[in-house]
């Protein structure tokens, strides 16, 4: 579509005033927009993409990533037409990139019509990335900053089978501290980190966990009723963080936040302190700072 006529005014009678001219131009633009809304939107989206991509080297790599991202999100392997219909790259360009990706074994192509699958090369890359990935190295700088802003202990943990394993922690700057052993375990159903992770699991995964786990009382506040725990997990999903109100350890209040990347659960962190140091303003601060830290860590991964 040619957009030049958007900015070219019609031939106007010389007696028409400047105000009338402006009004006619305005109506012309609005009319064109209404008649070509989809093309107009596509045009400006494309300009925005070009402005972003021009700041990076190798724009074809960005296009290839869009194609691979789309293939990875499809439930069934897409055809060339399906890819072209869903991303803002011309069909001939998509085909050229797909041919190159197939040569590099980043995609596989089968069937009639041809359908495109991610290549097995990604398995090798994924294994290497998994082996070199260290959650604590990435997260701890942000965990330490969170401790400094709250003055309270911040723990970092991962799901290990059906328990939480403590990876690392930033000690409270207060004189009275909580002593937890690195490498130690805590229950998922009673801890802030554990409930934050449970809230990110599928319903079938939660049911399986509950089938395999005895809900034993650790304190007077521990939730040991399956129905009540499921309700608390639902509330955690809605809030975006978990609350451990003396459920895992007497007199200790804790907020837990899950760490995710591409919908994969990588771990969790929690802020904790004795009840006597907690008030409503501190709880609000913890929520605000905890969600910020969660976003910072996930963006850094």
Protein backbone atom coordinates (compact mmCIF):
# COMPACT_ATOMS: atom_id res chain seq x y z
CA UNK A 1 0.00 0.00 0.00
CA UNK A 2 1.25 3.49 -0.86
CA UNK A 3 1.05 5.89 2.09
CA UNK A 4 2.19 8.95 0.17
CA UNK A 5 -1.39 10.16 -0.32
CA UNK A 6 -1.77 10.52 3.45
CA UNK A 7 0.36 13.62 3.37
CA UNK A 8 -0.63 14.96 -0.07
CA UNK A 9 -3.61 17.36 0.21
CA UNK A 10 -6.27 17.33 -2.51
CA UNK A 11 -6.37 20.11 -5.13
CA UNK A 12 -8.05 22.94 -3.29
CA UNK A 13 -9.92 25.92 -4.55
CA UNK A 14 -7.76 28.97 -3.99
CA UNK A 15 -10.65 30.68 -2.16
CA UNK A 16 -10.74 28.05 0.58
CA UNK A 17 -9.26 29.35 3.79
CA UNK A 18 -6.29 27.81 5.55
CA UNK A 19 -8.64 26.57 8.28
CA UNK A 20 -10.84 24.81 5.76
CA UNK A 21 -7.76 23.37 4.08
CA UNK A 22 -6.53 21.94 7.35
CA UNK A 23 -9.98 20.49 8.04
CA UNK A 24 -10.08 18.79 4.64
CA UNK A 25 -6.61 17.32 5.12
CA UNK A 26 -7.65 16.06 8.55
CA UNK A 27 -10.77 14.39 7.13
CA UNK A 28 -8.71 12.87 4.34
CA UNK A 29 -6.27 11.31 6.80
CA UNK A 30 -9.02 10.02 9.10
CA UNK A 31 -10.90 8.56 6.16
CA UNK A 32 -7.82 6.82 4.83
CA UNK A 33 -7.06 5.48 8.29
CA UNK A 34 -10.56 4.07 8.72
CA UNK A 35 -10.47 2.43 5.31
CA UNK A 36 -6.97 1.01 5.75
CA UNK A 37 -6.61 0.55 9.50
CA UNK A 38 -4.88 -2.81 9.27
CA UNK A 39 -2.35 -1.64 6.68
CA UNK A 40 -1.79 1.60 8.58
CA UNK A 41 -1.09 -0.32 11.80
CA UNK A 42 1.27 -2.69 9.97
CA UNK A 43 3.12 0.25 8.42
CA UNK A 44 3.89 1.93 11.73
CA UNK A 45 4.68 -1.37 13.46
CA UNK A 46 7.20 -2.01 10.72
CA UNK A 47 8.73 1.44 11.16
CA UNK A 48 9.05 0.79 14.91
CA UNK A 49 10.77 -2.52 14.27
CA UNK A 50 13.19 -0.92 11.83
CA UNK A 51 14.03 1.85 14.31
CA UNK A 52 14.81 -0.76 16.98
CA UNK A 53 16.69 -3.13 14.68
CA UNK A 54 18.83 -0.38 13.16
CA UNK A 55 20.57 -0.01 16.52
CA UNK A 56 21.70 -3.67 16.44
CA UNK A 57 24.18 -5.47 14.22
CA UNK A 58 22.89 -8.25 12.00
CA UNK A 59 19.17 -7.57 11.61
CA UNK A 60 18.71 -10.92 9.81
CA UNK A 61 19.50 -12.58 13.15
CA UNK A 62 16.58 -10.73 14.71
CA UNK A 63 14.33 -11.92 11.92
CA UNK A 64 15.58 -15.48 12.37
CA UNK A 65 14.84 -15.25 16.10
CA UNK A 66 11.26 -14.14 15.38
CA UNK A 67 10.81 -17.17 13.14
CA UNK A 68 12.32 -19.58 15.68
CA UNK A 69 10.26 -18.04 18.50
CA UNK A 70 7.09 -18.54 16.49
CA UNK A 71 7.94 -22.17 15.63
CA UNK A 72 8.72 -22.91 19.28
CA UNK A 73 5.33 -21.54 20.43
CA UNK A 74 3.26 -23.52 17.92
CA UNK A 75 1.56 -26.67 19.20
CA UNK A 76 1.95 -28.24 15.75
CA UNK A 77 4.77 -27.55 13.31
CA UNK A 78 3.78 -24.57 11.11
CA UNK A 79 3.92 -24.22 7.34
CA UNK A 80 5.61 -21.34 5.53
CA UNK A 81 2.21 -19.71 5.01
CA UNK A 82 1.34 -19.97 8.70
CA UNK A 83 4.65 -18.41 9.70
CA UNK A 84 4.21 -15.63 7.14
CA UNK A 85 0.66 -14.93 8.32
CA UNK A 86 1.76 -14.47 11.93
CA UNK A 87 4.99 -12.47 11.84
CA UNK A 88 5.75 -9.15 10.16
CA UNK A 89 8.39 -10.37 7.68
CA UNK A 90 7.79 -10.86 3.97
CA UNK A 91 7.21 -14.42 2.80
CA UNK A 92 10.24 -14.52 0.42
CA UNK A 93 12.51 -13.33 3.25
CA UNK A 94 11.09 -15.94 5.63
CA UNK A 95 11.75 -18.68 3.07
CA UNK A 96 15.37 -17.57 2.58
CA UNK A 97 15.97 -17.50 6.32
CA UNK A 98 14.31 -20.90 6.80
CA UNK A 99 16.54 -22.41 4.11
CA UNK A 100 19.61 -21.07 5.92
CA UNK A 101 18.33 -22.27 9.30
CA UNK A 102 17.71 -25.71 7.80
CA UNK A 103 21.26 -25.80 6.39
CA UNK A 104 22.60 -24.95 9.88
CA UNK A 105 20.31 -27.66 11.36
CA UNK A 106 18.46 -25.10 13.46
CA UNK A 107 15.19 -26.21 11.85
CA UNK A 108 14.00 -29.43 10.22
CA UNK A 109 11.50 -29.57 7.37
CA UNK A 110 9.17 -32.50 6.61
CA UNK A 111 5.89 -33.30 4.88
CA UNK A 112 3.73 -31.99 2.10
CA UNK A 113 2.99 -29.18 2.60
CA UNK A 114 6.33 -28.62 4.26
CA UNK A 115 6.20 -28.09 8.01
CA UNK A 116 9.02 -26.64 10.06
CA UNK A 117 10.32 -28.08 13.35
CA UNK A 118 13.10 -26.88 15.66
CA UNK A 119 16.36 -28.68 14.95
CA UNK A 120 18.06 -31.13 17.30
CA UNK A 121 21.04 -28.78 17.46
CA UNK A 122 19.15 -26.89 20.15
CA UNK A 123 19.37 -29.94 22.43
CA UNK A 124 23.16 -29.62 22.45
CA UNK A 125 22.95 -25.90 23.14
CA UNK A 126 20.33 -26.44 25.85
CA UNK A 127 22.50 -28.98 27.66
CA UNK A 128 25.50 -26.65 27.53
CA UNK A 129 23.40 -23.74 28.80
CA UNK A 130 21.99 -25.90 31.60
CA UNK A 131 25.47 -27.03 32.66
CA UNK A 132 26.82 -23.48 32.72
CA UNK A 133 23.73 -21.93 34.35
CA UNK A 134 24.13 -20.85 37.97
CA UNK A 135 21.08 -19.28 39.58
CA UNK A 136 22.93 -18.10 42.65
CA UNK A 137 25.61 -16.24 40.65
CA UNK A 138 22.95 -14.37 38.68
CA UNK A 139 20.52 -13.78 41.53
CA UNK A 140 22.73 -13.00 44.53
CA UNK A 141 23.69 -9.43 43.52
CA UNK A 142 19.97 -8.61 43.43
CA UNK A 143 19.33 -10.61 46.61
CA UNK A 144 22.02 -8.59 48.42
CA UNK A 145 20.48 -5.32 47.20
CA UNK A 146 17.06 -6.48 48.45
CA UNK A 147 18.57 -7.27 51.86
CA UNK A 148 20.09 -3.78 51.98
CA UNK A 149 16.74 -2.15 51.15
CA UNK A 150 14.77 -4.20 53.69
CA UNK A 151 17.55 -4.87 56.28
CA UNK A 152 16.13 -8.40 56.61
CA UNK A 153 17.39 -11.84 55.62
CA UNK A 154 16.74 -12.91 52.03
CA UNK A 155 17.00 -16.62 51.14
CA UNK A 156 17.51 -18.17 47.70
CA UNK A 157 16.32 -21.71 47.06
CA UNK A 158 15.43 -24.27 44.40
CA UNK A 159 12.91 -27.06 44.14
CA UNK A 160 14.65 -30.38 44.78
CA UNK A 161 12.16 -33.19 44.21
CA UNK A 162 9.40 -32.30 46.69
CA UNK A 163 11.34 -29.97 49.01
CA UNK A 164 13.10 -26.61 48.85
CA UNK A 165 16.90 -26.63 49.11
CA UNK A 166 18.56 -23.46 50.38
CA UNK A 167 21.19 -22.34 47.84
CA UNK A 168 22.39 -19.09 49.38
CA UNK A 169 21.28 -16.24 51.58
CA UNK A 170 21.93 -12.61 52.42
CA UNK A 171 22.07 -12.22 56.19
CA UNK A 172 19.96 -9.61 57.94
CA UNK A 173 21.76 -6.44 58.99
CA UNK A 174 19.88 -6.54 62.31
CA UNK A 175 21.47 -7.88 65.47
CA UNK A 176 18.90 -10.67 65.93
CA UNK A 177 19.20 -12.99 62.93
CA UNK A 178 17.76 -16.26 61.70
CA UNK A 179 20.28 -19.04 61.20
CA UNK A 180 19.53 -21.40 58.33
CA UNK A 181 21.99 -23.96 56.98
CA UNK A 182 22.97 -23.70 53.31
CA UNK A 183 22.02 -26.92 51.58
CA UNK A 184 19.29 -27.49 54.15
CA UNK A 185 15.74 -28.42 53.21
CA UNK A 186 12.28 -27.10 54.02
CA UNK A 187 8.80 -28.24 53.08
CA UNK A 188 7.11 -26.66 50.11
CA UNK A 189 3.65 -26.59 51.70
CA UNK A 190 4.79 -24.64 54.77
CA UNK A 191 7.45 -22.24 53.44
CA UNK A 192 7.23 -18.98 51.51
CA UNK A 193 9.54 -20.16 48.74
CA UNK A 194 7.76 -23.49 48.51
CA UNK A 195 4.26 -22.05 48.25
CA UNK A 196 5.46 -19.49 45.69
CA UNK A 197 6.74 -22.36 43.54
CA UNK A 198 3.61 -24.46 44.09
CA UNK A 199 1.53 -21.56 42.80
CA UNK A 200 3.46 -21.66 39.52
CA UNK A 201 2.98 -25.39 39.01
CA UNK A 202 0.11 -26.87 37.00
CA UNK A 203 -2.92 -28.20 38.86
CA UNK A 204 -1.97 -31.78 37.96
CA UNK A 205 1.56 -31.24 39.28
CA UNK A 206 0.17 -29.83 42.53
CA UNK A 207 -2.17 -32.81 42.94
CA UNK A 208 0.73 -35.19 42.35
CA UNK A 209 2.83 -33.33 44.94
CA UNK A 210 0.01 -33.53 47.48
CA UNK A 211 -0.49 -37.24 46.79
CA UNK A 212 3.18 -37.83 47.57
CA UNK A 213 3.52 -35.47 50.56
CA UNK A 214 2.22 -35.82 54.09
CA UNK A 215 1.07 -32.43 55.38
CA UNK A 216 2.56 -32.55 58.86
CA UNK A 217 2.17 -29.76 61.39
CA UNK A 218 5.36 -27.84 62.13
CA UNK A 219 3.71 -25.01 64.08
CA UNK A 220 0.21 -24.11 65.19
CA UNK A 221 -0.16 -22.13 61.92
CA UNK A 222 0.93 -24.85 59.48
CA UNK A 223 -1.73 -25.63 56.88
CA UNK A 224 -2.28 -29.37 57.03
CA UNK A 225 -5.68 -29.54 55.31
CA UNK A 226 -5.44 -30.28 51.60
CA UNK A 227 -8.45 -28.15 50.64
CA UNK A 228 -7.19 -25.18 52.67
CA UNK A 229 -3.73 -25.47 51.13
CA UNK A 230 -5.18 -25.51 47.61
CA UNK A 231 -7.15 -22.38 48.46
CA UNK A 232 -3.98 -20.69 49.74
CA UNK A 233 -2.11 -21.66 46.56
CA UNK A 234 -4.92 -20.07 44.54
CA UNK A 235 -4.63 -16.86 46.59
CA UNK A 236 -0.86 -16.91 46.05
CA UNK A 237 -1.36 -17.07 42.28
CA UNK A 238 -3.63 -14.05 42.45
CA UNK A 239 -1.26 -12.03 44.68
CA UNK A 240 1.93 -12.94 42.83
CA UNK A 241 3.77 -13.89 46.02
CA UNK A 242 3.40 -16.34 48.92
CA UNK A 243 2.92 -15.67 52.63
CA UNK A 244 4.39 -17.84 55.39
CA UNK A 245 2.89 -16.46 58.59
CA UNK A 246 4.69 -18.58 61.18
CA UNK A 247 3.79 -21.79 59.29
CA UNK A 248 7.29 -23.17 58.83
CA UNK A 249 8.92 -21.80 62.00
CA UNK A 250 7.32 -20.30 65.08
CA UNK A 251 7.47 -16.51 65.26
CA UNK A 252 8.86 -16.03 61.73
CA UNK A 253 7.06 -14.08 59.01
CA UNK A 254 8.10 -14.62 55.39
CA UNK A 255 7.17 -13.56 51.86
CA UNK A 256 8.16 -15.84 48.96
CA UNK A 257 8.62 -15.02 45.26
CA UNK A 258 9.11 -17.56 42.48
CA UNK A 259 11.78 -17.04 39.80
CA UNK A 260 10.63 -17.96 36.29
CA UNK A 261 12.00 -17.81 32.77
CA UNK A 262 9.93 -18.68 29.72
CA UNK A 263 7.34 -20.24 32.07
CA UNK A 264 9.99 -22.54 33.58
CA UNK A 265 10.41 -22.55 37.37
CA UNK A 266 14.07 -21.89 38.22
CA UNK A 267 13.81 -21.28 41.94
CA UNK A 268 12.51 -18.81 44.49
CA UNK A 269 13.61 -16.31 47.11
CA UNK A 270 12.07 -15.16 50.36
CA UNK A 271 12.31 -12.25 52.78
CA UNK A 272 11.99 -13.28 56.42
CA UNK A 273 12.12 -11.72 59.87
CA UNK A 274 10.83 -12.28 63.42
CA UNK A 275 7.22 -11.25 63.96
CA UNK A 276 8.18 -8.53 66.41
CA UNK A 277 9.97 -6.60 63.62
CA UNK A 278 6.99 -6.75 61.25
CA UNK A 279 4.27 -4.13 60.72
CA UNK A 280 1.95 -3.23 57.85
CA UNK A 281 4.28 -0.64 56.34
CA UNK A 282 7.11 -3.19 56.30
CA UNK A 283 4.88 -5.77 54.64
CA UNK A 284 4.01 -3.27 51.92
CA UNK A 285 7.71 -2.47 51.44
CA UNK A 286 8.55 -6.16 51.19
CA UNK A 287 5.90 -6.73 48.53
CA UNK A 288 7.05 -3.76 46.46
CA UNK A 289 10.75 -4.52 46.74
CA UNK A 290 10.26 -8.27 46.36
CA UNK A 291 8.34 -7.93 43.10
CA UNK A 292 10.98 -5.52 41.80
CA UNK A 293 13.76 -7.98 42.66
CA UNK A 294 11.83 -10.81 41.05
CA UNK A 295 11.57 -8.81 37.80
CA UNK A 296 15.27 -7.79 37.97
CA UNK A 297 16.45 -11.39 38.38
CA UNK A 298 14.19 -12.74 35.65
CA UNK A 299 15.34 -10.01 33.25
CA UNK A 300 18.98 -10.82 34.02
CA UNK A 301 18.62 -14.55 33.28
